[in-house]
Amino acid sequence: MSKLTATPRQFPAAKTALQFGRLLTKNNNQWRAKPLTDDDADRFRDALARTGIQKPCAHDSYLINLGSPKHDVRQKSIDAFVIELERAEMLGLLGVVMHPGSFLDSSEEEGLQKIVDGLDIALEQTDGQAVEVWLETTAGQGTNLGHRFEHLAYLIDNVADNSRLGVCVDSCHIFAAGYAITTPSEYKQTMAEFDSLVGIDRIRAFHLNDSKKEFGSRVDRHEHIGQGHLGLEPFRHIVNDPRFAELPMYLETPKGKKGDEFDQMNLKALRGLSAL
């Protein structure tokens, strides 16, 4: 459940009792990367097996914006995303989590369609691969798309081959975007809305983060579990929902100086809520 920001060559042994891992397959601030070799991939898989971490996934580069109205940025984004998928496939990862994109100085409608077109190209160029694309729910900062369930539904419904598309639900993001999940009735209503628009079966993973900012703020600031505006109850609902019992749930909460001491604290808080 910890984010492991390491290259395949630097994949660390698990120091905490974490079951799931998320990583970056390359430098997150560069468009391209030195190609992986078969030896790189083999050593990564061996290292991963030694950690005991299950259901690994990657997050794509934050430089990528498939919704950009700027042709050069969009083309770089498509090329970079294809590289992300190819690297994840070589490493045997389940999926690549991505922020759908931002429309900048265009319109929401134009941005969504550009993302659809970009996904079509990337999925076609990686046809035959098993690795999936997990669209992440966003907080809705600026012109970011993906903060409404309707956005996700549009992308999934309009991509030519959506068989490899899933969703990663971020608890902080949907809270900041205005979806209430604190009381049992709020949680039930929000999940019912997601199911109606997107389909609950499209959820592949969760990012479990509390929020430093208020409900509906559309500001993405993560906090330790139970120490932010979400509190503990939303996490109790999620970790005890039998529909999600087999799904990976990853922490993206703040890190300490050593990197993992807060993971133990947050993991303990979540496990204390679980009745499954």
C-alpha atoms as a PDB file:
ATOM      1  CA  MET A   1       0.000   0.000   0.000  1.00  0.00           C
ATOM      2  CA  SER A   2       2.990   2.276  -0.163  1.00  0.00           C
ATOM      3  CA  LYS A   3       4.100   4.290  -3.150  1.00  0.00           C
ATOM      4  CA  LEU A   4       7.533   2.979  -4.103  1.00  0.00           C
ATOM      5  CA  THR A   5       9.165   5.741  -6.119  1.00  0.00           C
ATOM      6  CA  ALA A   6      12.051   3.704  -7.420  1.00  0.00           C
ATOM      7  CA  THR A   7      13.372   2.697 -10.792  1.00  0.00           C
ATOM      8  CA  PRO A   8      13.547  -1.035 -11.520  1.00  0.00           C
ATOM      9  CA  ARG A   9      17.285  -0.944 -10.721  1.00  0.00           C
ATOM     10  CA  GLN A  10      16.596   0.613  -7.324  1.00  0.00           C
ATOM     11  CA  PHE A  11      13.539  -1.356  -6.248  1.00  0.00           C
ATOM     12  CA  PRO A  12      13.905  -1.641  -2.449  1.00  0.00           C
ATOM     13  CA  ALA A  13      13.121  -4.610  -0.267  1.00  0.00           C
ATOM     14  CA  ALA A  14       9.905  -4.087   1.647  1.00  0.00           C
ATOM     15  CA  LYS A  15      10.756  -2.643   5.068  1.00  0.00           C
ATOM     16  CA  THR A  16       7.171  -2.507   6.244  1.00  0.00           C
ATOM     17  CA  ALA A  17       4.389  -5.063   6.296  1.00  0.00           C
ATOM     18  CA  LEU A  18       2.875  -3.654   3.132  1.00  0.00           C
ATOM     19  CA  GLN A  19       0.907  -5.887   0.819  1.00  0.00           C
ATOM     20  CA  PHE A  20       0.708  -3.733  -2.312  1.00  0.00           C
ATOM     21  CA  GLY A  21       3.194  -1.486  -4.103  1.00  0.00           C
ATOM     22  CA  ARG A  22       3.034   1.373  -6.581  1.00  0.00           C
ATOM     23  CA  LEU A  23       6.091   2.753  -8.324  1.00  0.00           C
ATOM     24  CA  LEU A  24       7.438   4.967 -11.051  1.00  0.00           C
ATOM     25  CA  THR A  25       9.180   3.101 -13.875  1.00  0.00           C
ATOM     26  CA  LYS A  26      11.302   6.110 -14.873  1.00  0.00           C
ATOM     27  CA  ASN A  27      12.284   9.638 -13.843  1.00  0.00           C
ATOM     28  CA  ASN A  28       8.973  11.404 -13.364  1.00  0.00           C
ATOM     29  CA  ASN A  29      10.301  14.732 -14.642  1.00  0.00           C
ATOM     30  CA  GLN A  30      11.581  13.515 -17.994  1.00  0.00           C
ATOM     31  CA  TRP A  31       9.696  12.702 -21.167  1.00  0.00           C
ATOM     32  CA  ARG A  32      11.842   9.774 -22.221  1.00  0.00           C
ATOM     33  CA  ALA A  33      13.951   7.132 -20.529  1.00  0.00           C
ATOM     34  CA  LYS A  34      16.714   4.713 -21.330  1.00  0.00           C
ATOM     35  CA  PRO A  35      14.997   1.569 -22.678  1.00  0.00           C
ATOM     36  CA  LEU A  36      14.636  -1.338 -20.296  1.00  0.00           C
ATOM     37  CA  THR A  37      16.523  -4.493 -21.134  1.00  0.00           C
ATOM     38  CA  ASP A  38      15.298  -8.018 -20.566  1.00  0.00           C
ATOM     39  CA  ASP A  39      17.912  -8.248 -17.811  1.00  0.00           C
ATOM     40  CA  ASP A  40      16.464  -5.131 -16.145  1.00  0.00           C
ATOM     41  CA  ALA A  41      13.007  -6.680 -16.210  1.00  0.00           C
ATOM     42  CA  ASP A  42      14.212 -10.036 -14.880  1.00  0.00           C
ATOM     43  CA  ARG A  43      16.063  -8.426 -11.979  1.00  0.00           C
ATOM     44  CA  PHE A  44      13.045  -6.279 -11.155  1.00  0.00           C
ATOM     45  CA  ARG A  45      10.737  -9.294 -11.065  1.00  0.00           C
ATOM     46  CA  ASP A  46      13.197 -11.182  -8.860  1.00  0.00           C
ATOM     47  CA  ALA A  47      13.481  -8.240  -6.462  1.00  0.00           C
ATOM     48  CA  LEU A  48       9.713  -7.845  -6.380  1.00  0.00           C
ATOM     49  CA  ALA A  49       9.226 -11.527  -5.579  1.00  0.00           C
ATOM     50  CA  ARG A  50      11.604 -11.196  -2.618  1.00  0.00           C
ATOM     51  CA  THR A  51       9.596  -8.317  -1.130  1.00  0.00           C
ATOM     52  CA  GLY A  52       6.339 -10.255  -1.051  1.00  0.00           C
ATOM     53  CA  ILE A  53       4.558  -7.195  -2.437  1.00  0.00           C
ATOM     54  CA  GLN A  54       1.533  -8.096  -4.549  1.00  0.00           C
ATOM     55  CA  LYS A  55      -0.455  -6.392  -7.302  1.00  0.00           C
ATOM     56  CA  PRO A  56       2.168  -3.814  -8.302  1.00  0.00           C
ATOM     57  CA  CYS A  57       1.203  -0.913 -10.513  1.00  0.00           C
ATOM     58  CA  ALA A  58       2.865   2.230 -11.839  1.00  0.00           C
ATOM     59  CA  HIS A  59       1.924   5.893 -12.044  1.00  0.00           C
ATOM     60  CA  ASP A  60       2.684   7.710 -15.264  1.00  0.00           C
ATOM     61  CA  SER A  61       4.781  10.867 -15.498  1.00  0.00           C
ATOM     62  CA  TYR A  62       3.102  14.049 -14.318  1.00  0.00           C
ATOM     63  CA  LEU A  63       4.413  15.729 -17.487  1.00  0.00           C
ATOM     64  CA  ILE A  64       1.900  13.778 -19.545  1.00  0.00           C
ATOM     65  CA  ASN A  65      -1.230  15.673 -20.601  1.00  0.00           C
ATOM     66  CA  LEU A  66      -3.298  13.918 -23.246  1.00  0.00           C
ATOM     67  CA  GLY A  67      -5.831  16.757 -23.076  1.00  0.00           C
ATOM     68  CA  SER A  68      -3.410  19.522 -24.009  1.00  0.00           C
ATOM     69  CA  PRO A  69      -4.514  21.841 -26.852  1.00  0.00           C
ATOM     70  CA  LYS A  70      -0.832  22.351 -27.719  1.00  0.00           C
ATOM     71  CA  HIS A  71       0.099  19.939 -30.496  1.00  0.00           C
ATOM     72  CA  ASP A  72       3.733  19.448 -29.448  1.00  0.00           C
ATOM     73  CA  VAL A  73       2.875  18.788 -25.798  1.00  0.00           C
ATOM     74  CA  ARG A  74       0.098  16.403 -26.741  1.00  0.00           C
ATOM     75  CA  GLN A  75       2.332  14.445 -29.124  1.00  0.00           C
ATOM     76  CA  LYS A  76       5.059  14.204 -26.486  1.00  0.00           C
ATOM     77  CA  SER A  77       2.403  13.055 -24.029  1.00  0.00           C
ATOM     78  CA  ILE A  78       1.132  10.295 -26.302  1.00  0.00           C
ATOM     79  CA  ASP A  79       4.663   9.073 -27.045  1.00  0.00           C
ATOM     80  CA  ALA A  80       5.592   9.164 -23.353  1.00  0.00           C
ATOM     81  CA  PHE A  81       2.441   7.323 -22.324  1.00  0.00           C
ATOM     82  CA  VAL A  82       3.136   4.555 -24.820  1.00  0.00           C
ATOM     83  CA  ILE A  83       6.594   4.211 -23.258  1.00  0.00           C
ATOM     84  CA  GLU A  84       4.988   3.997 -19.801  1.00  0.00           C
ATOM     85  CA  LEU A  85       2.724   1.168 -20.942  1.00  0.00           C
ATOM     86  CA  GLU A  86       5.561  -0.693 -22.645  1.00  0.00           C
ATOM     87  CA  ARG A  87       7.774  -0.478 -19.555  1.00  0.00           C
ATOM     88  CA  ALA A  88       4.950  -1.573 -17.258  1.00  0.00           C
ATOM     89  CA  GLU A  89       4.255  -4.558 -19.514  1.00  0.00           C
ATOM     90  CA  MET A  90       7.911  -5.615 -19.423  1.00  0.00           C
ATOM     91  CA  LEU A  91       7.929  -5.392 -15.630  1.00  0.00           C
ATOM     92  CA  GLY A  92       4.745  -7.422 -15.244  1.00  0.00           C
ATOM     93  CA  LEU A  93       2.721  -4.629 -13.633  1.00  0.00           C
ATOM     94  CA  LEU A  94      -1.065  -4.797 -13.514  1.00  0.00           C
ATOM     95  CA  GLY A  95      -1.805  -1.243 -14.556  1.00  0.00           C
ATOM     96  CA  VAL A  96      -0.583   2.289 -15.113  1.00  0.00           C
ATOM     97  CA  VAL A  97      -2.438   4.931 -13.107  1.00  0.00           C
ATOM     98  CA  MET A  98      -2.867   8.201 -15.001  1.00  0.00           C
ATOM     99  CA  HIS A  99      -4.408  11.606 -14.415  1.00  0.00           C
ATOM    100  CA  PRO A 100      -6.670  11.986 -17.464  1.00  0.00           C
ATOM    101  CA  GLY A 101      -5.378  15.456 -18.397  1.00  0.00           C
ATOM    102  CA  SER A 102      -6.088  19.184 -18.399  1.00  0.00           C
ATOM    103  CA  PHE A 103      -7.827  21.238 -21.077  1.00  0.00           C
ATOM    104  CA  LEU A 104      -5.902  24.458 -20.279  1.00  0.00           C
ATOM    105  CA  ASP A 105      -7.127  27.268 -22.575  1.00  0.00           C
ATOM    106  CA  SER A 106      -9.483  25.101 -24.637  1.00  0.00           C
ATOM    107  CA  SER A 107     -12.765  23.687 -23.304  1.00  0.00           C
ATOM    108  CA  GLU A 108     -13.796  20.747 -21.159  1.00  0.00           C
ATOM    109  CA  GLU A 109     -15.410  19.068 -24.161  1.00  0.00           C
ATOM    110  CA  GLU A 110     -12.335  19.532 -26.359  1.00  0.00           C
ATOM    111  CA  GLY A 111     -10.059  18.277 -23.611  1.00  0.00           C
ATOM    112  CA  LEU A 112     -12.085  15.125 -23.048  1.00  0.00           C
ATOM    113  CA  GLN A 113     -12.137  14.327 -26.758  1.00  0.00           C
ATOM    114  CA  LYS A 114      -8.381  14.847 -27.064  1.00  0.00           C
ATOM    115  CA  ILE A 115      -7.865  12.428 -24.179  1.00  0.00           C
ATOM    116  CA  VAL A 116     -10.088   9.883 -25.924  1.00  0.00           C
ATOM    117  CA  ASP A 117      -8.097  10.270 -29.142  1.00  0.00           C
ATOM    118  CA  GLY A 118      -4.792   9.995 -27.265  1.00  0.00           C
ATOM    119  CA  LEU A 119      -5.897   6.863 -25.429  1.00  0.00           C
ATOM    120  CA  ASP A 120      -7.030   5.336 -28.713  1.00  0.00           C
ATOM    121  CA  ILE A 121      -3.559   5.846 -30.177  1.00  0.00           C
ATOM    122  CA  ALA A 122      -1.721   4.573 -27.092  1.00  0.00           C
ATOM    123  CA  LEU A 123      -3.909   1.492 -26.720  1.00  0.00           C
ATOM    124  CA  GLU A 124      -3.626   0.678 -30.420  1.00  0.00           C
ATOM    125  CA  GLN A 125       0.164   0.987 -30.313  1.00  0.00           C
ATOM    126  CA  THR A 126       0.273  -1.389 -27.340  1.00  0.00           C
ATOM    127  CA  ASP A 127      -2.353  -3.784 -28.663  1.00  0.00           C
ATOM    128  CA  GLY A 128      -1.888  -7.281 -27.295  1.00  0.00           C
ATOM    129  CA  GLN A 129      -0.453  -6.141 -23.986  1.00  0.00           C
ATOM    130  CA  ALA A 130      -2.033  -7.169 -20.697  1.00  0.00           C
ATOM    131  CA  VAL A 131      -1.213  -4.006 -18.733  1.00  0.00           C
ATOM    132  CA  GLU A 132      -4.250  -1.812 -18.116  1.00  0.00           C
ATOM    133  CA  VAL A 133      -4.804   1.951 -17.998  1.00  0.00           C
ATOM    134  CA  TRP A 134      -6.310   3.061 -14.687  1.00  0.00           C
ATOM    135  CA  LEU A 135      -7.892   6.506 -14.945  1.00  0.00           C
ATOM    136  CA  GLU A 136      -7.481   8.287 -11.626  1.00  0.00           C
ATOM    137  CA  THR A 137     -10.232  10.375 -10.103  1.00  0.00           C
ATOM    138  CA  THR A 138      -8.891  13.908  -9.647  1.00  0.00           C
ATOM    139  CA  ALA A 139      -9.614  16.754  -7.241  1.00  0.00           C
ATOM    140  CA  GLY A 140     -10.402  19.171 -10.067  1.00  0.00           C
ATOM    141  CA  GLN A 141      -7.664  21.727  -9.564  1.00  0.00           C
ATOM    142  CA  GLY A 142      -7.477  24.284 -12.352  1.00  0.00           C
ATOM    143  CA  THR A 143      -8.594  22.726 -15.631  1.00  0.00           C
ATOM    144  CA  ASN A 144      -7.886  19.130 -14.581  1.00  0.00           C
ATOM    145  CA  LEU A 145     -10.385  16.640 -15.952  1.00  0.00           C
ATOM    146  CA  GLY A 146     -11.498  13.503 -14.136  1.00  0.00           C
ATOM    147  CA  HIS A 147     -13.039  15.173 -11.088  1.00  0.00           C
ATOM    148  CA  ARG A 148     -16.554  14.314 -12.225  1.00  0.00           C
ATOM    149  CA  PHE A 149     -17.713  10.744 -12.679  1.00  0.00           C
ATOM    150  CA  GLU A 150     -19.244  11.920 -15.954  1.00  0.00           C
ATOM    151  CA  HIS A 151     -15.737  12.660 -17.249  1.00  0.00           C
ATOM    152  CA  LEU A 152     -14.613   9.095 -16.581  1.00  0.00           C
ATOM    153  CA  ALA A 153     -17.782   7.713 -18.138  1.00  0.00           C
ATOM    154  CA  TYR A 154     -17.224   9.785 -21.285  1.00  0.00           C
ATOM    155  CA  LEU A 155     -13.654   8.558 -21.667  1.00  0.00           C
ATOM    156  CA  ILE A 156     -14.519   4.905 -21.138  1.00  0.00           C
ATOM    157  CA  ASP A 157     -17.612   5.031 -23.332  1.00  0.00           C
ATOM    158  CA  ASN A 158     -15.851   6.736 -26.240  1.00  0.00           C
ATOM    159  CA  VAL A 159     -12.495   4.951 -26.408  1.00  0.00           C
ATOM    160  CA  ALA A 160     -12.648   2.508 -29.312  1.00  0.00           C
ATOM    161  CA  ASP A 161     -11.380  -0.481 -27.309  1.00  0.00           C
ATOM    162  CA  ASN A 162     -12.029   0.102 -23.612  1.00  0.00           C
ATOM    163  CA  SER A 163     -11.287  -3.457 -22.512  1.00  0.00           C
ATOM    164  CA  ARG A 164      -8.044  -2.318 -20.828  1.00  0.00           C
ATOM    165  CA  LEU A 165      -9.521   0.736 -19.110  1.00  0.00           C
ATOM    166  CA  GLY A 166     -10.208   0.850 -15.394  1.00  0.00           C
ATOM    167  CA  VAL A 167     -10.470   3.456 -12.639  1.00  0.00           C
ATOM    168  CA  CYS A 168      -8.330   4.203  -9.594  1.00  0.00           C
ATOM    169  CA  VAL A 169     -10.447   5.982  -6.975  1.00  0.00           C
ATOM    170  CA  ASP A 170      -8.541   8.445  -4.791  1.00  0.00           C
ATOM    171  CA  SER A 171     -10.389   9.144  -1.532  1.00  0.00           C
ATOM    172  CA  CYS A 172      -8.853  12.605  -1.075  1.00  0.00           C
ATOM    173  CA  HIS A 173      -9.614  13.563  -4.658  1.00  0.00           C
ATOM    174  CA  ILE A 174     -13.283  12.590  -4.734  1.00  0.00           C
ATOM    175  CA  PHE A 175     -13.822  14.319  -1.372  1.00  0.00           C
ATOM    176  CA  ALA A 176     -12.160  17.492  -2.660  1.00  0.00           C
ATOM    177  CA  ALA A 177     -14.202  17.209  -5.859  1.00  0.00           C
ATOM    178  CA  GLY A 178     -17.449  17.292  -3.884  1.00  0.00           C
ATOM    179  CA  TYR A 179     -18.421  13.635  -3.471  1.00  0.00           C
ATOM    180  CA  ALA A 180     -19.474  12.981   0.135  1.00  0.00           C
ATOM    181  CA  ILE A 181     -18.409   9.634   1.625  1.00  0.00           C
ATOM    182  CA  THR A 182     -18.400  10.260   5.392  1.00  0.00           C
ATOM    183  CA  THR A 183     -21.703   8.806   6.594  1.00  0.00           C
ATOM    184  CA  PRO A 184     -22.942   5.377   5.498  1.00  0.00           C
ATOM    185  CA  SER A 185     -25.732   6.987   3.460  1.00  0.00           C
ATOM    186  CA  GLU A 186     -23.328   9.422   1.757  1.00  0.00           C
ATOM    187  CA  TYR A 187     -20.931   6.615   0.896  1.00  0.00           C
ATOM    188  CA  LYS A 188     -23.758   4.467  -0.445  1.00  0.00           C
ATOM    189  CA  GLN A 189     -25.106   7.335  -2.558  1.00  0.00           C
ATOM    190  CA  THR A 190     -21.701   8.251  -4.013  1.00  0.00           C
ATOM    191  CA  MET A 191     -20.888   4.657  -4.903  1.00  0.00           C
ATOM    192  CA  ALA A 192     -24.347   4.229  -6.426  1.00  0.00           C
ATOM    193  CA  GLU A 193     -23.750   7.312  -8.566  1.00  0.00           C
ATOM    194  CA  PHE A 194     -20.379   5.943  -9.672  1.00  0.00           C
ATOM    195  CA  ASP A 195     -21.970   2.608 -10.504  1.00  0.00           C
ATOM    196  CA  SER A 196     -24.727   4.267 -12.516  1.00  0.00           C
ATOM    197  CA  LEU A 197     -22.380   6.461 -14.542  1.00  0.00           C
ATOM    198  CA  VAL A 198     -19.180   4.437 -14.828  1.00  0.00           C
ATOM    199  CA  GLY A 199     -19.816   0.962 -13.448  1.00  0.00           C
ATOM    200  CA  ILE A 200     -18.520  -0.286 -10.115  1.00  0.00           C
ATOM    201  CA  ASP A 201     -16.794  -3.126 -11.955  1.00  0.00           C
ATOM    202  CA  ARG A 202     -14.442  -0.577 -13.561  1.00  0.00           C
ATOM    203  CA  ILE A 203     -12.747   0.141 -10.226  1.00  0.00           C
ATOM    204  CA  ARG A 204      -9.341  -1.528 -10.216  1.00  0.00           C
ATOM    205  CA  ALA A 205      -7.671   0.134  -7.219  1.00  0.00           C
ATOM    206  CA  PHE A 206      -7.900   2.804  -4.530  1.00  0.00           C
ATOM    207  CA  HIS A 207      -5.546   5.522  -3.370  1.00  0.00           C
ATOM    208  CA  LEU A 208      -6.291   5.923   0.336  1.00  0.00           C
ATOM    209  CA  ASN A 209      -5.456   9.447   1.465  1.00  0.00           C
ATOM    210  CA  ASP A 210      -7.001  11.845   3.945  1.00  0.00           C
ATOM    211  CA  SER A 211      -7.391  15.486   2.879  1.00  0.00           C
ATOM    212  CA  LYS A 212      -5.728  18.621   4.236  1.00  0.00           C
ATOM    213  CA  LYS A 213      -8.414  20.703   2.521  1.00  0.00           C
ATOM    214  CA  GLU A 214     -12.147  20.981   3.037  1.00  0.00           C
ATOM    215  CA  PHE A 215     -14.932  19.118   1.271  1.00  0.00           C
ATOM    216  CA  GLY A 216     -15.477  20.427  -2.259  1.00  0.00           C
ATOM    217  CA  SER A 217     -12.326  22.575  -2.191  1.00  0.00           C
ATOM    218  CA  ARG A 218     -11.040  21.092  -5.470  1.00  0.00           C
ATOM    219  CA  VAL A 219      -7.564  21.259  -3.950  1.00  0.00           C
ATOM    220  CA  ASP A 220      -5.356  18.149  -3.914  1.00  0.00           C
ATOM    221  CA  ARG A 221      -3.482  17.989  -0.596  1.00  0.00           C
ATOM    222  CA  HIS A 222      -3.008  14.615   1.073  1.00  0.00           C
ATOM    223  CA  GLU A 223      -2.987  14.031   4.830  1.00  0.00           C
ATOM    224  CA  HIS A 224      -2.383  11.066   7.150  1.00  0.00           C
ATOM    225  CA  ILE A 225      -5.307   8.687   7.609  1.00  0.00           C
ATOM    226  CA  GLY A 226      -7.793  10.074  10.132  1.00  0.00           C
ATOM    227  CA  GLN A 227      -5.906  13.343  10.611  1.00  0.00           C
ATOM    228  CA  GLY A 228      -7.553  15.401   7.874  1.00  0.00           C
ATOM    229  CA  HIS A 229     -11.015  16.578   6.911  1.00  0.00           C
ATOM    230  CA  LEU A 230     -12.103  13.096   5.852  1.00  0.00           C
ATOM    231  CA  GLY A 231     -11.567  11.520   9.262  1.00  0.00           C
ATOM    232  CA  LEU A 232     -11.687   7.755   9.775  1.00  0.00           C
ATOM    233  CA  GLU A 233     -15.231   6.882   8.747  1.00  0.00           C
ATOM    234  CA  PRO A 234     -14.826   7.055   4.937  1.00  0.00           C
ATOM    235  CA  PHE A 235     -11.920   4.630   5.171  1.00  0.00           C
ATOM    236  CA  ARG A 236     -13.974   2.303   7.353  1.00  0.00           C
ATOM    237  CA  HIS A 237     -16.597   2.174   4.584  1.00  0.00           C
ATOM    238  CA  ILE A 238     -14.048   1.482   1.846  1.00  0.00           C
ATOM    239  CA  VAL A 239     -11.958  -1.195   3.565  1.00  0.00           C
ATOM    240  CA  ASN A 240     -15.085  -3.057   4.697  1.00  0.00           C
ATOM    241  CA  ASP A 241     -16.911  -2.928   1.368  1.00  0.00           C
ATOM    242  CA  PRO A 242     -16.985  -6.564   0.181  1.00  0.00           C
ATOM    243  CA  ARG A 243     -17.060  -5.399  -3.449  1.00  0.00           C
ATOM    244  CA  PHE A 244     -13.505  -4.143  -3.028  1.00  0.00           C
ATOM    245  CA  ALA A 245     -12.081  -6.886  -0.813  1.00  0.00           C
ATOM    246  CA  GLU A 246      -9.718  -8.168  -3.517  1.00  0.00           C
ATOM    247  CA  LEU A 247      -8.644  -4.788  -4.898  1.00  0.00           C
ATOM    248  CA  PRO A 248      -5.260  -3.208  -4.148  1.00  0.00           C
ATOM    249  CA  MET A 249      -5.361  -0.082  -1.980  1.00  0.00           C
ATOM    250  CA  TYR A 250      -2.300   2.170  -2.021  1.00  0.00           C
ATOM    251  CA  LEU A 251      -1.173   4.862   0.402  1.00  0.00           C
ATOM    252  CA  GLU A 252      -0.029   8.238  -0.920  1.00  0.00           C
ATOM    253  CA  THR A 253       0.114   9.883   2.483  1.00  0.00           C
ATOM    254  CA  PRO A 254       2.986  12.194   3.556  1.00  0.00           C
ATOM    255  CA  LYS A 255       6.385  10.587   4.081  1.00  0.00           C
ATOM    256  CA  GLY A 256       8.806  11.076   6.939  1.00  0.00           C
ATOM    257  CA  LYS A 257      12.544  11.671   6.730  1.00  0.00           C
ATOM    258  CA  LYS A 258      13.239   7.949   6.499  1.00  0.00           C
ATOM    259  CA  GLY A 259      10.456   7.448   4.002  1.00  0.00           C
ATOM    260  CA  ASP A 260       8.493   4.630   5.597  1.00  0.00           C
ATOM    261  CA  GLU A 261       7.874   5.415   9.286  1.00  0.00           C
ATOM    262  CA  PHE A 262       4.540   7.093   8.560  1.00  0.00           C
ATOM    263  CA  ASP A 263       3.499   4.186   6.327  1.00  0.00           C
ATOM    264  CA  GLN A 264       3.398   1.953   9.394  1.00  0.00           C
ATOM    265  CA  MET A 265       1.271   4.493  11.252  1.00  0.00           C
ATOM    266  CA  ASN A 266      -1.213   4.851   8.400  1.00  0.00           C
ATOM    267  CA  LEU A 267      -1.299   1.134   7.736  1.00  0.00           C
ATOM    268  CA  LYS A 268      -2.070   0.480  11.403  1.00  0.00           C
ATOM    269  CA  ALA A 269      -4.917   2.998  11.277  1.00  0.00           C
ATOM    270  CA  LEU A 270      -6.453   1.318   8.236  1.00  0.00           C
ATOM    271  CA  ARG A 271      -6.070  -2.216   9.554  1.00  0.00           C
ATOM    272  CA  GLY A 272      -7.725  -1.122  12.777  1.00  0.00           C
ATOM    273  CA  LEU A 273     -10.822  -0.241  10.765  1.00  0.00           C
ATOM    274  CA  SER A 274     -11.062  -3.482   8.812  1.00  0.00           C
ATOM    275  CA  ALA A 275     -13.562  -6.123   9.801  1.00  0.00           C
ATOM    276  CA  LEU A 276     -13.106  -8.230   6.665  1.00  0.00           C
END
